[in-house]
Amino acid sequence: MKDAYVISDLHLGSDICHAKELRDFLDDVESNTGKLILAGDVFDSLDFRRLKKHHWSVLSKIRALSDHMEIVWLNGNHDGTSDIVSHLLGIPVMDEYVLESGGRKFLVLHGHVFDE
């Protein structure tokens, strides 16, 4: 069992998003950990008209996972005002998270904070 899985830059709603593969990956995550960290850019933009059926499938899977595992969503530069849409996933949005694993602490955040 893994302490956590960390994934970032899903960019749901973009043409380059690999939503079908992501959905399969989330099935594996479910049986291998109790924590999933979404490290920013869950969405490509907040224009939900761009979300296709397989993008909504990923959101539904994440929402279902949140019923029995800890899911952390970190704000990314493409997520816009994530607080407004966090109800879609049923999880709050944070700017950073400290993951404890193997007796060590790891700061997890989206890389856009270093753009300046």
Protein backbone atom coordinates (compact mmCIF):
# COMPACT_ATOMS: atom_id res chain seq x y z
CA MET A 1 0.00 0.00 0.00
CA LYS A 2 1.38 3.42 -1.02
CA ASP A 3 1.21 6.42 1.32
CA ALA A 4 -0.18 8.62 -1.44
CA TYR A 5 -0.35 9.25 -5.14
CA VAL A 6 0.39 12.77 -6.40
CA ILE A 7 -0.78 13.84 -9.84
CA SER A 8 -0.91 17.27 -11.42
CA ASP A 9 -1.88 19.07 -14.59
CA LEU A 10 -4.92 17.01 -15.52
CA HIS A 11 -6.19 19.91 -17.63
CA LEU A 12 -9.71 18.52 -17.90
CA GLY A 13 -11.46 20.28 -20.76
CA SER A 14 -8.42 20.54 -22.99
CA ASP A 15 -7.92 18.58 -26.19
CA ILE A 16 -4.60 17.19 -24.91
CA CYS A 17 -6.06 15.78 -21.69
CA HIS A 18 -5.69 11.99 -21.43
CA ALA A 19 -8.95 11.55 -19.55
CA LYS A 20 -9.55 7.93 -20.52
CA GLU A 21 -6.09 6.88 -19.33
CA LEU A 22 -6.54 9.00 -16.21
CA ARG A 23 -9.80 7.23 -15.45
CA ASP A 24 -8.02 3.85 -15.68
CA PHE A 25 -5.23 5.17 -13.44
CA LEU A 26 -7.76 6.28 -10.83
CA ASP A 27 -9.10 2.71 -10.72
CA ASP A 28 -5.60 1.55 -9.76
CA VAL A 29 -5.18 4.35 -7.23
CA GLU A 30 -8.33 3.23 -5.47
CA SER A 31 -6.86 -0.16 -4.59
CA ASN A 32 -3.31 1.00 -3.78
CA THR A 33 -3.58 3.98 -1.43
CA GLY A 34 -5.77 5.89 0.97
CA LYS A 35 -4.71 9.33 -0.25
CA LEU A 36 -4.74 11.11 -3.61
CA ILE A 37 -3.19 14.55 -4.04
CA LEU A 38 -4.30 16.60 -7.05
CA ALA A 39 -1.40 19.06 -7.33
CA GLY A 40 -3.03 21.76 -9.43
CA ASP A 41 -4.55 22.38 -12.83
CA VAL A 42 -7.38 19.90 -12.46
CA PHE A 43 -9.17 22.01 -15.05
CA ASP A 44 -7.75 23.67 -18.14
CA SER A 45 -10.21 26.52 -17.65
CA LEU A 46 -13.48 27.05 -15.87
CA ASP A 47 -15.39 26.97 -19.16
CA PHE A 48 -17.26 23.74 -18.42
CA ARG A 49 -18.67 23.67 -21.94
CA ARG A 50 -15.24 22.33 -22.94
CA LEU A 51 -15.63 19.24 -20.74
CA LYS A 52 -16.40 16.12 -22.74
CA LYS A 53 -18.11 12.98 -21.49
CA HIS A 54 -14.82 11.30 -20.51
CA HIS A 55 -13.75 14.44 -18.60
CA TRP A 56 -16.97 14.30 -16.58
CA SER A 57 -16.25 10.61 -15.97
CA VAL A 58 -12.94 11.54 -14.32
CA LEU A 59 -14.69 14.10 -12.12
CA SER A 60 -17.31 11.53 -11.14
CA LYS A 61 -14.59 9.03 -10.25
CA ILE A 62 -12.74 11.57 -8.09
CA ARG A 63 -15.99 12.48 -6.38
CA ALA A 64 -16.69 8.78 -5.68
CA LEU A 65 -13.16 8.26 -4.36
CA SER A 66 -13.64 11.15 -1.94
CA ASP A 67 -16.29 9.09 -0.15
CA HIS A 68 -13.71 6.60 1.17
CA MET A 69 -10.24 8.10 0.77
CA GLU A 70 -8.56 11.39 1.54
CA ILE A 71 -8.28 13.60 -1.51
CA VAL A 72 -6.31 16.82 -1.42
CA TRP A 73 -6.81 19.39 -4.18
CA LEU A 74 -4.12 22.03 -4.54
CA ASN A 75 -4.87 25.17 -6.49
CA GLY A 76 -3.14 25.57 -9.86
CA ASN A 77 -2.89 28.54 -12.18
CA HIS A 78 -5.50 27.09 -14.57
CA ASP A 79 -8.03 26.26 -11.85
CA GLY A 80 -9.25 29.84 -11.53
CA THR A 81 -11.30 30.50 -8.43
CA SER A 82 -11.27 26.89 -7.35
CA ASP A 83 -13.29 27.59 -4.23
CA ILE A 84 -16.31 28.16 -6.44
CA VAL A 85 -16.08 24.76 -8.11
CA SER A 86 -14.65 22.63 -5.30
CA HIS A 87 -18.17 21.37 -4.64
CA LEU A 88 -17.93 19.49 -7.96
CA LEU A 89 -15.33 17.21 -6.41
CA GLY A 90 -16.65 17.42 -2.88
CA ILE A 91 -13.26 18.44 -1.54
CA PRO A 92 -11.79 21.76 -0.36
CA VAL A 93 -8.99 23.50 -2.23
CA MET A 94 -5.66 24.40 -0.61
CA ASP A 95 -2.56 26.22 -1.81
CA GLU A 96 -0.07 23.73 -0.36
CA TYR A 97 0.05 20.48 1.54
CA VAL A 98 2.65 18.74 3.68
CA LEU A 99 2.79 15.01 2.98
CA GLU A 100 4.36 12.81 5.62
CA SER A 101 5.85 9.62 4.23
CA GLY A 102 8.65 7.36 5.37
CA GLY A 103 9.37 9.52 8.40
CA ARG A 104 9.93 12.58 6.18
CA LYS A 105 7.87 15.62 5.26
CA PHE A 106 7.34 16.76 1.68
CA LEU A 107 5.88 20.09 0.63
CA VAL A 108 3.47 19.58 -2.27
CA LEU A 109 2.28 22.55 -4.31
CA HIS A 110 1.68 23.54 -7.90
CA GLY A 111 4.74 24.95 -9.67
CA HIS A 112 3.08 28.18 -10.79
CA VAL A 113 4.00 29.71 -7.43
CA PHE A 114 7.59 29.91 -8.75
CA ASP A 115 6.67 31.70 -12.01
CA GLU A 116 7.71 35.10 -10.67
